[in-house]
Amino acid sequence: MRIPTCVFSSAAPPAVRDGHAVDRFVQIASLTKVVTGTALVRMAATGVLALDDPVERWLPAAPRTGITLRHLVRHTSGLPRLPPGRLSRRDPYAAFDRPALEGLLPRLDTLAKRPPGQEEEYSNLGYAVLGAALTAASGTTYEELVTEYVLRPLDLTAITANPDPDRCLLPPGLLGRPRRPWTMTGAILPAGGLWATPRAAADLVVRLLVERRLGDPAPSWQTAGPLRWHNGATRHASVFTGAMDDGRWVMIHRLNAPPEDTDRAGMEILEGAETVP
């Protein structure tokens, strides 16, 4: 199976392999979360909302749980990783639309596995709730608010929830036919539904983590000592991004590759490895 790969890093010019075009749109999966988290911090800075607002302030259907927007962005809400119910392997989030999320809101207290703030547990469901709260607070769509608070200030135009299908780069399947991407346009959008050109994804990393154009990085970034990073994966696409305190950075996107291999390749580049497997 071919593994189309695109790599940007501080150590070398862009590298592509197997036709992974740097100016066509690819799914960036959970890298979307750093855009959502940055929007939250920017909205708080302008007084639209506060990081410690309880969820029910913006989503009145939710009961009082003690969960705040800060808990959601830090993955400490106590909510599970995925929405409840059986998810289709072929297209797991296709049925998770806004009505489905609204149906869950009155049950947040029963869905939480533990009290908020006690322990970190990565939660796509939590980011879906966060995105709904942000849209309620802003009175706009998710894409409109991230454009206003994140993409336009960073001068990024090639990151979107609705790319031109003719410009999308899809992983090749049997006989070279493109594989169908997961549907990520519903309630799950703020957790993993954005598309970007690899070049724009690299610019996002540099402008947020290296140049700090919007101030300190949002708490949606993962941290490990001097490294801030995030990854993401759908069924056939995976991404790893990160930057060190000394300015070294990397963005690697791969198609038809195991996500753990993409993470490992990104770390090897940051640590000075010569090649991408």
Protein backbone atom coordinates (compact mmCIF):
# COMPACT_ATOMS: atom_id res chain seq x y z
CA MET A 1 0.00 0.00 0.00
CA ARG A 2 1.32 3.43 -0.92
CA ILE A 3 1.91 5.89 1.91
CA PRO A 4 1.71 9.44 0.51
CA THR A 5 3.57 11.70 2.91
CA CYS A 6 4.14 15.41 3.34
CA VAL A 7 6.65 16.88 5.80
CA PHE A 8 7.40 20.45 6.80
CA SER A 9 9.99 21.22 9.47
CA SER A 10 12.32 23.92 10.67
CA ALA A 11 15.31 21.85 9.58
CA ALA A 12 14.51 21.42 5.90
CA PRO A 13 12.32 22.67 3.04
CA PRO A 14 8.99 20.92 2.43
CA ALA A 15 9.35 17.28 1.44
CA VAL A 16 6.71 15.26 -0.36
CA ARG A 17 6.50 11.63 -1.36
CA ASP A 18 4.16 9.61 -3.55
CA GLY A 19 2.25 12.59 -4.85
CA HIS A 20 1.18 14.11 -1.53
CA ALA A 21 0.54 17.61 -2.89
CA VAL A 22 1.18 20.43 -0.42
CA ASP A 23 -1.56 22.67 -1.82
CA ARG A 24 -4.48 20.25 -1.84
CA PHE A 25 -6.79 19.84 1.15
CA VAL A 26 -6.39 16.94 3.57
CA GLN A 27 -8.23 16.01 6.75
CA ILE A 28 -6.32 17.29 9.76
CA ALA A 29 -8.51 15.39 12.23
CA SER A 30 -7.83 16.30 15.87
CA LEU A 31 -5.42 19.06 14.96
CA THR A 32 -8.76 20.86 14.68
CA LYS A 33 -8.78 20.93 18.49
CA VAL A 34 -5.96 23.48 18.65
CA VAL A 35 -8.03 25.78 16.43
CA THR A 36 -11.06 25.29 18.68
CA GLY A 37 -8.99 25.84 21.82
CA THR A 38 -7.37 28.96 20.39
CA ALA A 39 -10.81 30.34 19.52
CA LEU A 40 -11.94 29.77 23.12
CA VAL A 41 -8.95 31.63 24.55
CA ARG A 42 -9.37 34.50 22.11
CA MET A 43 -13.07 34.80 22.86
CA ALA A 44 -12.29 34.87 26.57
CA ALA A 45 -9.67 37.58 26.01
CA THR A 46 -12.25 39.79 24.29
CA GLY A 47 -14.88 39.24 26.98
CA VAL A 48 -17.35 37.22 24.93
CA LEU A 49 -17.18 34.46 27.53
CA ALA A 50 -14.98 33.28 30.40
CA LEU A 51 -12.87 30.14 30.61
CA ASP A 52 -14.57 29.19 33.85
CA ASP A 53 -18.10 29.59 32.55
CA PRO A 54 -20.14 26.47 33.33
CA VAL A 55 -21.40 24.57 30.32
CA GLU A 56 -25.02 25.29 31.21
CA ARG A 57 -24.48 29.03 30.89
CA TRP A 58 -24.24 28.65 27.11
CA LEU A 59 -26.08 25.35 26.70
CA PRO A 60 -29.11 25.63 29.01
CA ALA A 61 -30.26 22.08 28.21
CA ALA A 62 -27.26 20.77 30.14
CA PRO A 63 -27.70 20.10 33.86
CA ARG A 64 -25.41 21.55 36.50
CA THR A 65 -22.38 19.29 36.41
CA GLY A 66 -19.54 21.56 37.52
CA ILE A 67 -18.01 21.18 34.04
CA THR A 68 -16.57 24.43 32.73
CA LEU A 69 -15.23 25.47 29.34
CA ARG A 70 -11.74 25.25 30.83
CA HIS A 71 -12.36 21.60 31.76
CA LEU A 72 -13.52 20.84 28.24
CA VAL A 73 -10.51 22.39 26.52
CA ARG A 74 -8.10 20.63 28.90
CA HIS A 75 -9.81 17.23 28.63
CA THR A 76 -10.55 17.23 32.36
CA SER A 77 -14.35 17.33 32.11
CA GLY A 78 -14.78 13.68 33.04
CA LEU A 79 -16.68 13.06 29.80
CA PRO A 80 -15.78 9.92 27.83
CA ARG A 81 -13.67 9.90 24.69
CA LEU A 82 -16.59 9.14 22.35
CA PRO A 83 -20.33 9.77 22.24
CA PRO A 84 -22.34 6.88 23.70
CA GLY A 85 -23.75 4.19 21.46
CA ARG A 86 -22.34 1.98 18.78
CA LEU A 87 -20.33 3.84 16.14
CA SER A 88 -19.96 2.62 12.58
CA ARG A 89 -16.41 1.66 11.72
CA ARG A 90 -16.91 2.83 8.15
CA ASP A 91 -18.09 6.34 9.09
CA PRO A 92 -18.28 6.64 12.89
CA TYR A 93 -19.45 10.24 13.25
CA ALA A 94 -21.89 10.45 10.34
CA ALA A 95 -24.93 10.18 12.61
CA PHE A 96 -23.54 12.46 15.30
CA ASP A 97 -25.23 15.64 14.13
CA ARG A 98 -26.39 18.65 16.14
CA PRO A 99 -29.73 17.04 17.14
CA ALA A 100 -27.82 14.00 18.40
CA LEU A 101 -25.60 16.22 20.53
CA GLU A 102 -28.59 18.19 21.81
CA GLY A 103 -30.15 14.91 22.84
CA LEU A 104 -27.10 14.14 24.97
CA LEU A 105 -26.85 17.50 26.74
CA PRO A 106 -29.52 16.76 29.40
CA ARG A 107 -27.57 13.58 30.24
CA LEU A 108 -24.11 15.07 30.71
CA ASP A 109 -24.23 14.38 34.43
CA THR A 110 -24.78 10.67 33.81
CA LEU A 111 -22.28 10.49 30.95
CA ALA A 112 -19.39 11.90 33.00
CA LYS A 113 -17.17 9.16 34.37
CA ARG A 114 -15.78 11.23 37.23
CA PRO A 115 -16.09 14.73 38.73
CA PRO A 116 -14.58 17.48 36.57
CA GLY A 117 -11.04 18.63 37.19
CA GLN A 118 -9.79 15.40 38.75
CA GLU A 119 -8.13 13.61 35.87
CA GLU A 120 -7.31 14.11 32.20
CA GLU A 121 -9.11 11.90 29.70
CA TYR A 122 -8.96 12.78 26.03
CA SER A 123 -12.51 13.49 24.91
CA ASN A 124 -13.85 14.08 21.43
CA LEU A 125 -17.28 14.35 23.01
CA GLY A 126 -15.98 17.10 25.28
CA TYR A 127 -14.78 19.11 22.30
CA ALA A 128 -18.11 18.64 20.56
CA VAL A 129 -19.77 20.16 23.64
CA LEU A 130 -17.16 22.93 23.71
CA GLY A 131 -17.79 23.77 20.07
CA ALA A 132 -21.52 23.97 20.69
CA ALA A 133 -20.91 26.34 23.60
CA LEU A 134 -18.67 28.56 21.49
CA THR A 135 -21.23 28.82 18.70
CA ALA A 136 -23.93 29.66 21.23
CA ALA A 137 -21.77 32.36 22.80
CA SER A 138 -20.75 33.88 19.47
CA GLY A 139 -24.13 33.59 17.75
CA THR A 140 -22.39 32.35 14.60
CA THR A 141 -21.41 29.06 13.02
CA TYR A 142 -18.27 27.23 14.09
CA GLU A 143 -16.45 28.06 10.87
CA GLU A 144 -17.39 31.74 11.14
CA LEU A 145 -16.10 32.03 14.70
CA VAL A 146 -12.78 30.27 14.04
CA THR A 147 -12.29 32.46 10.99
CA GLU A 148 -12.89 35.60 13.06
CA TYR A 149 -10.83 34.67 16.11
CA VAL A 150 -8.10 32.43 14.68
CA LEU A 151 -7.71 32.06 10.94
CA ARG A 152 -8.05 35.69 9.85
CA PRO A 153 -5.71 37.02 12.57
CA LEU A 154 -3.17 34.38 11.51
CA ASP A 155 -3.66 35.22 7.81
CA LEU A 156 -4.66 31.63 7.02
CA THR A 157 -7.19 31.02 4.25
CA ALA A 158 -6.57 27.37 3.37
CA ILE A 159 -8.16 25.85 6.49
CA THR A 160 -11.87 25.10 6.24
CA ALA A 161 -14.67 22.72 7.13
CA ASN A 162 -15.93 22.67 3.53
CA PRO A 163 -13.11 22.34 1.01
CA ASP A 164 -13.70 22.22 -2.72
CA PRO A 165 -14.05 18.48 -3.48
CA ASP A 166 -11.92 18.94 -6.59
CA ARG A 167 -9.05 20.16 -4.39
CA CYS A 168 -9.23 17.38 -1.79
CA LEU A 169 -6.44 14.83 -1.59
CA LEU A 170 -7.90 11.47 -0.60
CA PRO A 171 -5.93 8.33 0.23
CA PRO A 172 -5.74 5.79 -2.58
CA GLY A 173 -7.47 2.48 -2.04
CA LEU A 174 -7.83 -0.65 -4.09
CA LEU A 175 -6.95 -0.16 -7.75
CA GLY A 176 -5.98 3.42 -6.92
CA ARG A 177 -9.53 4.57 -6.32
CA PRO A 178 -9.81 7.30 -3.66
CA ARG A 179 -11.14 6.20 -0.28
CA ARG A 180 -14.19 7.95 1.05
CA PRO A 181 -13.34 10.26 3.99
CA TRP A 182 -15.18 10.18 7.28
CA THR A 183 -18.11 12.56 7.67
CA MET A 184 -16.96 15.15 10.21
CA THR A 185 -19.27 18.07 9.45
CA GLY A 186 -21.79 17.54 12.26
CA ALA A 187 -21.40 18.00 16.00
CA ILE A 188 -17.93 16.46 15.87
CA LEU A 189 -16.58 19.28 13.66
CA PRO A 190 -14.89 21.24 16.53
CA ALA A 191 -13.14 18.05 17.64
CA GLY A 192 -11.76 16.88 14.32
CA GLY A 193 -13.53 18.06 11.19
CA LEU A 194 -11.32 20.72 9.62
CA TRP A 195 -9.42 20.31 6.36
CA ALA A 196 -6.26 22.20 5.43
CA THR A 197 -3.53 22.19 2.88
CA PRO A 198 -0.34 20.77 4.41
CA ARG A 199 1.26 24.16 3.81
CA ALA A 200 -1.49 25.90 5.82
CA ALA A 201 -1.24 23.31 8.61
CA ALA A 202 2.49 24.01 8.82
CA ASP A 203 1.84 27.76 8.92
CA LEU A 204 -0.66 27.18 11.73
CA VAL A 205 2.01 25.46 13.82
CA VAL A 206 4.63 28.12 13.20
CA ARG A 207 2.34 31.09 13.81
CA LEU A 208 0.84 29.66 17.00
CA LEU A 209 3.81 27.90 18.59
CA VAL A 210 6.95 29.54 17.23
CA GLU A 211 5.98 33.11 16.36
CA ARG A 212 3.27 33.27 19.07
CA ARG A 213 1.22 35.68 16.96
CA LEU A 214 -1.83 35.18 19.20
CA GLY A 215 0.04 35.06 22.50
CA ASP A 216 0.64 32.01 24.65
CA PRO A 217 -0.49 28.74 23.06
CA ALA A 218 -3.97 27.54 23.99
CA PRO A 219 -4.33 24.74 26.56
CA SER A 220 -5.54 22.43 23.79
CA TRP A 221 -1.90 21.72 22.90
CA GLN A 222 -0.38 18.68 24.59
CA THR A 223 2.88 19.26 26.45
CA ALA A 224 5.90 17.11 27.23
CA GLY A 225 8.75 19.08 28.79
CA PRO A 226 9.96 21.61 26.18
CA LEU A 227 7.64 20.17 23.51
CA ARG A 228 4.14 21.32 22.62
CA TRP A 229 2.42 18.96 20.21
CA HIS A 230 -0.81 17.57 18.84
CA ASN A 231 -1.72 14.72 16.57
CA GLY A 232 -4.83 13.47 14.86
CA ALA A 233 -6.16 10.63 12.76
CA THR A 234 -9.16 9.56 10.78
CA ARG A 235 -9.38 6.10 9.25
CA HIS A 236 -6.86 6.70 6.46
CA ALA A 237 -5.17 10.03 7.30
CA SER A 238 -2.93 11.04 10.18
CA VAL A 239 -1.04 14.14 11.27
CA PHE A 240 1.57 15.06 13.86
CA THR A 241 2.66 18.59 14.69
CA GLY A 242 4.88 20.02 17.36
CA ALA A 243 7.41 22.65 18.34
CA MET A 244 10.23 22.78 20.85
CA ASP A 245 10.96 25.75 23.06
CA ASP A 246 14.15 26.36 21.04
CA GLY A 247 12.15 26.97 17.86
CA ARG A 248 12.44 23.58 16.14
CA TRP A 249 9.11 22.48 14.72
CA VAL A 250 7.56 19.86 12.47
CA MET A 251 4.29 19.12 10.67
CA ILE A 252 3.90 15.72 9.06
CA HIS A 253 0.78 14.45 7.30
CA ARG A 254 0.42 10.92 5.92
CA LEU A 255 -2.20 8.89 4.08
CA ASN A 256 -2.67 5.14 4.51
CA ALA A 257 -0.19 5.03 7.38
CA PRO A 258 -0.72 3.88 10.99
CA PRO A 259 -1.11 6.98 13.23
CA GLU A 260 1.52 5.72 15.66
CA ASP A 261 4.04 5.61 12.80
CA THR A 262 3.19 9.20 11.92
CA ASP A 263 3.76 10.27 15.54
CA ARG A 264 7.06 8.42 15.65
CA ALA A 265 8.21 9.96 12.36
CA GLY A 266 7.42 13.44 13.65
CA MET A 267 9.33 12.89 16.87
CA GLU A 268 12.31 11.48 14.98
CA ILE A 269 12.44 14.59 12.82
CA LEU A 270 12.38 16.82 15.90
CA GLU A 271 15.14 14.74 17.44
CA GLY A 272 17.28 14.96 14.31
CA ALA A 273 16.57 11.73 12.44
CA GLU A 274 17.56 11.87 8.79
CA THR A 275 14.67 10.16 7.03
CA VAL A 276 10.94 9.56 7.21
CA PRO A 277 10.07 5.82 7.20
